[in-house]
Amino acid sequence: MPRFSVIVPVYNRVDEINDLLESLSAQTCRDFEVIIVEDGSTEPCGDLVRSFAGKVDVRYFYKPNEGRSIARNYGIDRSSGDYLVFFDSDCVIPRDYFAILSAELDRQPLDCFGGPDAAHESFTPVQKAISFAMTSFLTTGGIRGGKVQMEKFVPRSFNMGYSRKVYDTVGGFREMFSEDIDMSTRIRQAGFSIGLIHPAHVFHKRRVDFARFWRQVYVFGMSRITLKLLYPDSLKLVHTLPALAVIIGVLLVLLGIFVTPWFLLPIGIYLLAIFLSAWIATRSLGIALRAVPASVVQICGYGCGFIKAFFTKIILRRGRNIEEEIKIRKGK
């Protein structure tokens, strides 16, 4: 049996799956199987997946659309590896990923692990700018697996894994927003070890334009309140920083317009810091220029989603109980 079972939920992502399987077929360590779970796509990728049969140990399953968490659990039930590894369909995996992962787990065994993400050289300038916004310490990179951590590391489902013993004890993913944070919280509460394997990074394409990126991070902000309702002690000061940045930013803009432009100076300094940091990190003026609006979208989108959910669910107490929401999403 393979040491690792790679499980990937798919929904209308034929081109992405091609790039993912190409990267998996080039791995230097082959001690893994791949399970692709098509979650009711209207553009199935079965023929494409089967074309890789001679290149990588891959199996394909098609099921009705129920959500990515249920698709992951469906794949888990059909896997055989000692460790379950989860990638998103828009990831490209470096060729030494499993060699690094295997060596790190031999050196320091972990029950649950995760790694960071990065931008591949083939990504578009916008994708690279968004990648910078999602990984930079000047935004929320310190929360998402950077070298400097602002809270306990929480693996994200685009690059996450845990042992079969964890699954047998804790169970699988629940169909909800930020299901990976929920999963990590349950694993930690069960007493299992969780760690960051920093060299085991993936190339994550993320969104290809700022509008879709806004919708994504807006949902992230709202889901942080959902997690607070589910785990009352999970909300930390660091999670409120984007919302505070939005509030302070709006106040500074209003003061800059109606009192004196000097109130806009802190915003200008911060945006300049983002630009210079992105320019140094990417060595590209074009990416650095795009990184500024990408970072603004990342912080403001998350902050606005957080503020709205806090006001409606915490202050006004509107919406269903979180456990009820989970049961509804599971179809119970």
Protein backbone atom coordinates (compact mmCIF):
# COMPACT_ATOMS: atom_id res chain seq x y z
CA MET A 1 0.00 0.00 0.00
CA PRO A 2 1.21 3.56 -0.68
CA ARG A 3 2.36 5.73 2.19
CA PHE A 4 0.31 8.70 0.95
CA SER A 5 -3.15 8.99 -0.56
CA VAL A 6 -3.64 12.24 -2.46
CA ILE A 7 -7.29 13.31 -2.55
CA VAL A 8 -8.49 16.10 -4.84
CA PRO A 9 -12.10 17.29 -5.18
CA VAL A 10 -12.91 18.69 -8.63
CA TYR A 11 -15.71 20.83 -9.99
CA ASN A 12 -15.43 21.94 -13.64
CA ARG A 13 -11.63 22.26 -13.58
CA VAL A 14 -10.36 20.21 -16.53
CA ASP A 15 -7.38 22.45 -17.34
CA GLU A 16 -6.35 22.69 -13.70
CA ILE A 17 -6.45 18.92 -13.23
CA ASN A 18 -4.21 18.48 -16.26
CA ASP A 19 -1.53 20.73 -14.73
CA LEU A 20 -1.89 19.07 -11.33
CA LEU A 21 -1.54 15.53 -12.71
CA GLU A 22 1.40 16.56 -14.88
CA SER A 23 3.20 17.76 -11.77
CA LEU A 24 2.30 14.63 -9.79
CA SER A 25 3.51 12.37 -12.59
CA ALA A 26 6.94 14.05 -12.37
CA GLN A 27 7.48 13.37 -8.63
CA THR A 28 10.86 11.94 -7.63
CA CYS A 29 9.19 9.94 -4.82
CA ARG A 30 6.34 7.74 -6.11
CA ASP A 31 5.05 6.31 -2.82
CA PHE A 32 1.55 7.73 -3.29
CA GLU A 33 -1.78 7.18 -5.00
CA VAL A 34 -4.05 9.89 -6.42
CA ILE A 35 -7.82 9.90 -6.03
CA ILE A 36 -9.76 12.43 -8.11
CA VAL A 37 -13.36 12.96 -6.98
CA GLU A 38 -15.53 14.73 -9.54
CA ASP A 39 -18.25 16.52 -7.57
CA GLY A 40 -21.07 16.58 -10.12
CA SER A 41 -19.23 18.65 -12.73
CA THR A 42 -20.96 19.56 -15.98
CA GLU A 43 -17.53 19.40 -17.64
CA PRO A 44 -16.13 16.11 -16.29
CA CYS A 45 -12.42 15.34 -16.48
CA GLY A 46 -12.66 11.54 -16.46
CA ASP A 47 -11.12 11.03 -19.90
CA LEU A 48 -8.25 13.34 -19.04
CA VAL A 49 -7.58 11.57 -15.72
CA ARG A 50 -7.60 8.15 -17.38
CA SER A 51 -5.01 9.37 -19.89
CA PHE A 52 -2.54 9.63 -16.97
CA ALA A 53 -3.05 6.01 -15.93
CA GLY A 54 0.37 4.96 -17.16
CA LYS A 55 2.14 7.96 -15.66
CA VAL A 56 0.84 8.03 -12.09
CA ASP A 57 -1.21 5.76 -9.82
CA VAL A 58 -4.53 7.57 -10.21
CA ARG A 59 -8.19 6.64 -9.77
CA TYR A 60 -11.24 8.64 -10.81
CA PHE A 61 -14.69 8.79 -9.22
CA TYR A 62 -17.77 10.73 -10.26
CA LYS A 63 -20.51 11.61 -7.76
CA PRO A 64 -23.47 14.03 -7.53
CA ASN A 65 -22.67 17.57 -6.45
CA GLU A 66 -22.71 17.86 -2.65
CA GLY A 67 -19.74 20.10 -1.85
CA ARG A 68 -15.97 19.84 -1.68
CA SER A 69 -15.83 18.53 1.91
CA ILE A 70 -18.16 15.65 1.17
CA ALA A 71 -16.13 14.96 -1.99
CA ARG A 72 -12.95 14.77 0.09
CA ASN A 73 -14.59 12.35 2.54
CA TYR A 74 -15.78 10.26 -0.41
CA GLY A 75 -12.17 10.01 -1.59
CA ILE A 76 -10.92 9.15 1.91
CA ASP A 77 -13.28 6.18 2.08
CA ARG A 78 -11.73 4.84 -1.13
CA SER A 79 -8.10 5.44 -0.19
CA SER A 80 -5.50 3.07 1.25
CA GLY A 81 -2.50 5.23 2.29
CA ASP A 82 -1.18 5.71 5.81
CA TYR A 83 -1.41 9.48 5.34
CA LEU A 84 -4.18 11.43 3.62
CA VAL A 85 -2.91 14.42 1.63
CA PHE A 86 -5.24 17.10 0.27
CA PHE A 87 -4.58 19.47 -2.63
CA ASP A 88 -6.89 21.88 -4.40
CA SER A 89 -7.37 21.32 -8.12
CA ASP A 90 -5.65 24.65 -8.90
CA CYS A 91 -2.32 23.54 -7.39
CA VAL A 92 0.91 22.52 -9.10
CA ILE A 93 3.19 20.32 -6.99
CA PRO A 94 7.00 20.71 -7.03
CA ARG A 95 8.68 17.51 -8.22
CA ASP A 96 10.41 16.87 -4.87
CA TYR A 97 7.32 17.48 -2.72
CA PHE A 98 6.77 13.88 -1.61
CA ALA A 99 10.48 13.24 -1.18
CA ILE A 100 10.64 16.21 1.19
CA LEU A 101 7.41 15.26 2.96
CA SER A 102 8.52 11.68 3.50
CA ALA A 103 11.93 12.70 4.84
CA GLU A 104 10.45 15.33 7.18
CA LEU A 105 7.90 12.90 8.61
CA ASP A 106 10.66 10.33 9.16
CA ARG A 107 12.71 12.95 10.98
CA GLN A 108 9.84 14.41 13.01
CA PRO A 109 6.58 12.41 12.93
CA LEU A 110 3.40 14.50 12.91
CA ASP A 111 -0.25 13.51 13.10
CA CYS A 112 -1.34 16.47 10.97
CA PHE A 113 0.79 18.70 8.77
CA GLY A 114 0.62 21.42 6.18
CA GLY A 115 2.86 23.57 4.04
CA PRO A 116 2.86 27.04 2.50
CA ASP A 117 2.09 28.05 -1.06
CA ALA A 118 3.98 30.07 -3.63
CA ALA A 119 3.60 31.43 -7.17
CA HIS A 120 4.94 29.38 -10.08
CA GLU A 121 6.95 31.14 -12.78
CA SER A 122 4.23 30.29 -15.32
CA PHE A 123 1.51 32.16 -13.40
CA THR A 124 0.12 35.43 -14.76
CA PRO A 125 1.23 38.73 -13.18
CA VAL A 126 -2.18 39.06 -11.47
CA GLN A 127 -1.91 35.54 -10.04
CA LYS A 128 1.57 36.31 -8.74
CA ALA A 129 0.34 39.57 -7.21
CA ILE A 130 -2.53 37.76 -5.50
CA SER A 131 -0.12 35.10 -4.29
CA PHE A 132 2.03 37.83 -2.75
CA ALA A 133 -1.02 39.36 -1.05
CA MET A 134 -1.97 36.00 0.44
CA THR A 135 1.52 35.15 1.70
CA SER A 136 3.11 38.46 2.69
CA PHE A 137 3.61 39.30 6.35
CA LEU A 138 2.39 42.82 5.53
CA THR A 139 -1.08 41.38 4.90
CA THR A 140 -1.97 38.08 6.59
CA GLY A 141 0.98 35.96 5.49
CA GLY A 142 2.03 35.50 9.09
CA ILE A 143 -1.26 33.71 9.74
CA ARG A 144 -1.13 31.44 6.71
CA GLY A 145 2.10 29.48 7.17
CA GLY A 146 4.83 32.07 6.92
CA LYS A 147 8.17 31.69 8.65
CA VAL A 148 6.99 34.09 11.36
CA GLN A 149 3.75 32.87 12.94
CA MET A 150 1.16 35.19 14.47
CA GLU A 151 -0.87 32.26 15.88
CA LYS A 152 -0.71 28.48 16.08
CA PHE A 153 -0.23 27.04 12.62
CA VAL A 154 -3.44 25.94 10.91
CA PRO A 155 -3.00 23.78 7.78
CA ARG A 156 -5.11 24.83 4.80
CA SER A 157 -6.78 22.33 2.49
CA PHE A 158 -4.76 23.38 -0.58
CA ASN A 159 -1.72 21.75 1.11
CA MET A 160 -2.72 19.65 4.10
CA GLY A 161 -2.44 16.09 5.36
CA TYR A 162 -3.11 13.89 8.37
CA SER A 163 -2.70 10.28 9.39
CA ARG A 164 -5.37 7.63 9.02
CA LYS A 165 -5.42 7.37 12.81
CA VAL A 166 -6.55 11.00 12.93
CA TYR A 167 -9.35 10.24 10.49
CA ASP A 168 -10.45 7.17 12.45
CA THR A 169 -10.58 9.29 15.62
CA VAL A 170 -11.81 12.69 14.45
CA GLY A 171 -13.60 11.91 11.20
CA GLY A 172 -13.54 13.83 7.94
CA PHE A 173 -14.30 17.35 6.80
CA ARG A 174 -17.61 19.06 7.50
CA GLU A 175 -19.33 20.87 4.64
CA MET A 176 -18.92 24.50 5.69
CA PHE A 177 -16.84 27.57 4.88
CA SER A 178 -13.28 27.34 6.29
CA GLU A 179 -13.70 23.60 6.67
CA ASP A 180 -9.92 23.23 6.92
CA ILE A 181 -9.75 25.47 10.01
CA ASP A 182 -12.64 23.52 11.53
CA MET A 183 -10.84 20.25 10.75
CA SER A 184 -7.56 21.48 12.25
CA THR A 185 -9.34 22.68 15.39
CA ARG A 186 -10.97 19.30 15.95
CA ILE A 187 -7.63 17.56 15.40
CA ARG A 188 -5.89 19.81 17.92
CA GLN A 189 -8.70 19.38 20.46
CA ALA A 190 -8.35 15.59 20.13
CA GLY A 191 -4.74 15.87 21.28
CA PHE A 192 -2.96 15.19 17.98
CA SER A 193 0.19 17.01 16.92
CA ILE A 194 0.04 19.61 14.12
CA GLY A 195 3.07 21.10 12.43
CA LEU A 196 4.24 23.23 9.52
CA ILE A 197 6.59 21.54 7.05
CA HIS A 198 7.91 24.69 5.44
CA PRO A 199 9.97 23.10 2.61
CA ALA A 200 6.88 21.17 1.40
CA HIS A 201 5.29 24.04 -0.51
CA VAL A 202 2.91 23.96 -3.47
CA PHE A 203 2.28 26.39 -6.30
CA HIS A 204 -1.26 27.68 -5.83
CA LYS A 205 -2.91 29.46 -8.77
CA ARG A 206 -5.74 31.00 -6.71
CA ARG A 207 -8.07 33.44 -8.43
CA VAL A 208 -7.25 34.94 -11.82
CA ASP A 209 -8.83 38.38 -11.32
CA PHE A 210 -9.47 40.81 -8.48
CA ALA A 211 -13.29 40.50 -8.58
CA ARG A 212 -13.22 36.76 -7.89
CA PHE A 213 -10.44 37.28 -5.37
CA TRP A 214 -12.64 39.78 -3.49
CA ARG A 215 -15.50 37.28 -3.29
CA GLN A 216 -13.14 34.61 -1.99
CA VAL A 217 -11.60 36.67 0.82
CA TYR A 218 -14.99 38.19 1.70
CA VAL A 219 -16.23 34.67 2.43
CA PHE A 220 -13.07 34.00 4.46
CA GLY A 221 -13.88 36.99 6.65
CA MET A 222 -17.47 35.87 7.19
CA SER A 223 -16.43 32.32 7.98
CA ARG A 224 -14.16 33.51 10.80
CA ILE A 225 -17.32 34.53 12.70
CA THR A 226 -18.91 31.18 11.87
CA LEU A 227 -15.89 29.50 13.45
CA LYS A 228 -16.19 31.80 16.48
CA LEU A 229 -19.77 30.57 17.00
CA LEU A 230 -18.63 26.96 16.69
CA TYR A 231 -15.49 27.41 18.82
CA PRO A 232 -15.96 30.41 21.16
CA ASP A 233 -12.26 30.61 22.09
CA SER A 234 -11.01 30.43 18.49
CA LEU A 235 -11.30 34.14 17.68
CA LYS A 236 -8.01 35.90 18.45
CA LEU A 237 -6.98 39.54 18.23
CA VAL A 238 -4.93 38.81 15.11
CA HIS A 239 -8.09 37.71 13.26
CA THR A 240 -9.65 41.14 13.79
CA LEU A 241 -6.74 43.08 12.26
CA PRO A 242 -8.14 43.29 8.69
CA ALA A 243 -11.50 44.56 10.05
CA LEU A 244 -9.69 47.12 12.23
CA ALA A 245 -7.62 48.14 9.19
CA VAL A 246 -10.83 48.75 7.21
CA ILE A 247 -12.36 50.88 9.97
CA ILE A 248 -9.17 52.89 10.56
CA GLY A 249 -8.62 53.26 6.82
CA VAL A 250 -12.12 54.67 6.27
CA LEU A 251 -11.63 57.13 9.15
CA LEU A 252 -8.27 58.27 7.79
CA VAL A 253 -9.73 58.78 4.30
CA LEU A 254 -12.62 60.85 5.69
CA LEU A 255 -10.24 62.93 7.81
CA GLY A 256 -7.93 63.31 4.83
CA ILE A 257 -10.78 64.62 2.69
CA PHE A 258 -12.49 66.90 5.19
CA VAL A 259 -9.68 67.95 7.57
CA THR A 260 -6.18 67.68 6.09
CA PRO A 261 -4.51 65.42 3.49
CA TRP A 262 -1.85 64.56 6.09
CA PHE A 263 -4.20 61.94 7.51
CA LEU A 264 -3.67 59.98 4.27
CA LEU A 265 0.06 59.67 4.96
CA PRO A 266 -0.15 56.43 7.03
CA ILE A 267 -2.09 54.75 4.21
CA GLY A 268 0.43 55.95 1.67
CA ILE A 269 3.36 54.66 3.74
CA TYR A 270 1.71 51.26 4.14
CA LEU A 271 0.96 50.93 0.42
CA LEU A 272 4.51 52.01 -0.39
CA ALA A 273 5.83 49.31 1.96
CA ILE A 274 3.73 46.71 0.14
CA PHE A 275 5.00 47.92 -3.24
CA LEU A 276 8.66 47.85 -2.19
CA SER A 277 8.31 44.48 -0.46
CA ALA A 278 6.66 42.97 -3.55
CA TRP A 279 9.27 44.49 -5.85
CA ILE A 280 12.10 43.03 -3.75
CA ALA A 281 10.38 39.64 -3.45
CA THR A 282 9.39 39.25 -7.12
CA ARG A 283 11.96 41.50 -8.85
CA SER A 284 9.17 42.64 -11.13
CA LEU A 285 7.85 46.18 -11.32
CA GLY A 286 4.62 44.99 -12.96
CA ILE A 287 3.88 42.44 -10.24
CA ALA A 288 4.76 44.97 -7.52
CA LEU A 289 2.30 47.49 -9.00
CA ARG A 290 -0.43 44.83 -9.08
CA ALA A 291 0.43 43.66 -5.56
CA VAL A 292 -0.80 46.97 -4.13
CA PRO A 293 -4.45 46.62 -5.28
CA ALA A 294 -4.28 42.86 -4.60
CA SER A 295 -3.31 43.55 -0.99
CA VAL A 296 -6.03 46.19 -0.65
CA VAL A 297 -8.59 43.70 -1.97
CA GLN A 298 -7.29 41.00 0.37
CA ILE A 299 -7.48 43.14 3.51
CA CYS A 300 -10.68 45.05 2.67
CA GLY A 301 -12.54 41.99 1.36
CA TYR A 302 -11.73 39.93 4.43
CA GLY A 303 -12.37 42.87 6.76
CA CYS A 304 -15.75 43.71 5.21
CA GLY A 305 -16.88 40.08 5.38
CA PHE A 306 -15.78 39.89 9.02
CA ILE A 307 -17.59 43.12 9.94
CA LYS A 308 -20.83 42.11 8.22
CA ALA A 309 -20.89 38.64 9.83
CA PHE A 310 -19.98 40.06 13.26
CA PHE A 311 -22.78 42.62 13.07
CA THR A 312 -25.47 40.23 11.80
CA LYS A 313 -24.55 37.06 13.73
CA ILE A 314 -23.03 38.42 16.95
CA ILE A 315 -24.73 41.79 17.46
CA LEU A 316 -28.14 41.13 15.87
CA ARG A 317 -28.03 37.36 16.49
CA ARG A 318 -29.51 36.63 13.08
CA GLY A 319 -29.01 33.45 11.12
CA ARG A 320 -29.14 29.77 11.97
CA ASN A 321 -27.21 28.13 14.76
CA ILE A 322 -23.88 26.91 13.38
CA GLU A 323 -24.57 23.26 14.20
CA GLU A 324 -27.89 23.58 12.37
CA GLU A 325 -26.09 25.06 9.37
CA ILE A 326 -23.66 22.14 9.30
CA LYS A 327 -26.48 19.60 9.44
CA ILE A 328 -28.30 21.37 6.61
CA ARG A 329 -25.15 21.37 4.44
CA LYS A 330 -24.72 17.68 5.15
CA GLY A 331 -28.30 17.09 4.08
CA LYS A 332 -29.43 15.87 7.50
